Amino acid sequence: MSEHQQVQAADQEGIGHKVPVTIDNRTVEIQAREYVVSQLKAALGVDPSRELEQVVGGNLVALDDNSKIHIRGGEVFVSHVRGGGSSHGD
């Protein structure tokens, strides 16, 4: 197998075509496939220390770093600094 054929075969192993998704009001193209959320952050260019949420039906749904998500295209995500507790100053 030539080097070119090996690269093509590697590209086709369980990886879909590139699709647009939105992260923090910018559109990026990533492979359409299943990701562990921590891998998705890397694909989106999100710092691993940030929390990732998906916009679903107008609501923000927090995504656990160890959960899986299937990307089909058109998904909208928001990242932010993780909340550690109450912001109320009593």
Protein backbone atom coordinates (compact mmCIF):
# COMPACT_ATOMS: atom_id res chain seq x y z
CA MET A 1 0.00 0.00 0.00
CA SER A 2 1.41 3.41 -0.95
CA GLU A 3 1.76 6.19 1.60
CA HIS A 4 -1.13 8.07 -0.06
CA GLN A 5 -3.41 5.00 0.22
CA GLN A 6 -2.43 4.54 3.88
CA VAL A 7 -3.36 8.14 4.66
CA GLN A 8 -6.71 7.75 2.88
CA ALA A 9 -7.42 4.51 4.77
CA ALA A 10 -6.56 6.16 8.08
CA ASP A 11 -8.84 9.09 7.24
CA GLN A 12 -11.76 6.73 6.57
CA GLU A 13 -11.50 4.55 9.69
CA GLY A 14 -14.56 5.45 11.74
CA ILE A 15 -14.36 9.14 10.94
CA GLY A 16 -17.07 11.09 9.16
CA HIS A 17 -16.92 14.11 6.94
CA LYS A 18 -16.35 17.60 8.33
CA VAL A 19 -19.41 19.49 9.53
CA PRO A 20 -19.91 23.00 10.93
CA VAL A 21 -20.56 23.52 14.64
CA THR A 22 -20.65 26.75 16.64
CA ILE A 23 -18.49 27.33 19.70
CA ASP A 24 -18.59 30.66 21.56
CA ASN A 25 -20.21 32.46 18.61
CA ARG A 26 -17.69 31.22 16.02
CA THR A 27 -18.15 28.44 13.49
CA VAL A 28 -15.58 25.66 13.19
CA GLU A 29 -15.56 22.50 11.11
CA ILE A 30 -14.85 19.18 12.82
CA GLN A 31 -15.31 15.53 11.92
CA ALA A 32 -18.87 14.20 12.20
CA ARG A 33 -18.50 11.32 14.67
CA GLU A 34 -18.82 10.38 18.32
CA TYR A 35 -16.52 12.19 20.74
CA VAL A 36 -15.75 11.95 24.42
CA VAL A 37 -16.44 15.53 25.60
CA SER A 38 -12.78 16.04 26.57
CA GLN A 39 -11.81 15.12 22.97
CA LEU A 40 -14.49 17.42 21.60
CA LYS A 41 -13.02 20.32 23.58
CA ALA A 42 -9.64 19.68 21.92
CA ALA A 43 -11.25 19.50 18.47
CA LEU A 44 -13.06 22.81 19.14
CA GLY A 45 -9.98 24.53 20.55
CA VAL A 46 -11.50 24.87 24.02
CA ASP A 47 -9.17 24.91 27.03
CA PRO A 48 -9.60 21.63 28.96
CA SER A 49 -10.16 23.53 32.22
CA ARG A 50 -13.29 25.23 30.86
CA GLU A 51 -16.80 23.81 31.14
CA LEU A 52 -18.56 23.00 27.87
CA GLU A 53 -22.31 23.35 27.48
CA GLN A 54 -24.54 22.59 24.50
CA VAL A 55 -27.48 24.78 23.51
CA VAL A 56 -30.48 22.45 23.17
CA GLY A 57 -33.91 23.94 22.54
CA GLY A 58 -32.73 27.31 23.82
CA ASN A 59 -31.42 25.83 27.08
CA LEU A 60 -27.81 25.26 28.15
CA VAL A 61 -27.02 21.63 28.94
CA ALA A 62 -23.75 21.01 30.81
CA LEU A 63 -21.56 18.29 29.28
CA ASP A 64 -19.47 16.08 31.55
CA ASP A 65 -15.87 15.69 30.31
CA ASN A 66 -16.21 11.88 30.38
CA SER A 67 -19.56 11.62 28.59
CA LYS A 68 -19.93 10.92 24.88
CA ILE A 69 -21.64 13.05 22.26
CA HIS A 70 -22.32 12.35 18.59
CA ILE A 71 -21.63 15.32 16.32
CA ARG A 72 -23.81 15.50 13.21
CA GLY A 73 -23.37 19.18 12.33
CA GLY A 74 -25.16 22.34 13.38
CA GLU A 75 -24.62 21.87 17.11
CA VAL A 76 -24.08 25.00 19.21
CA PHE A 77 -21.73 25.02 22.21
CA VAL A 78 -20.69 27.56 24.82
CA SER A 79 -17.59 27.33 27.00
CA HIS A 80 -16.97 29.16 30.27
CA VAL A 81 -14.84 29.07 33.38
CA ARG A 82 -16.09 26.36 35.72
CA GLY A 83 -18.21 27.61 38.60
CA GLY A 84 -16.85 26.58 41.97
CA GLY A 85 -19.56 27.77 44.32
CA SER A 86 -21.81 30.60 45.25
CA SER A 87 -21.11 34.05 43.93
CA HIS A 88 -23.16 35.60 46.71
CA GLY A 89 -21.17 37.74 49.10
CA ASP A 90 -22.92 37.28 52.40
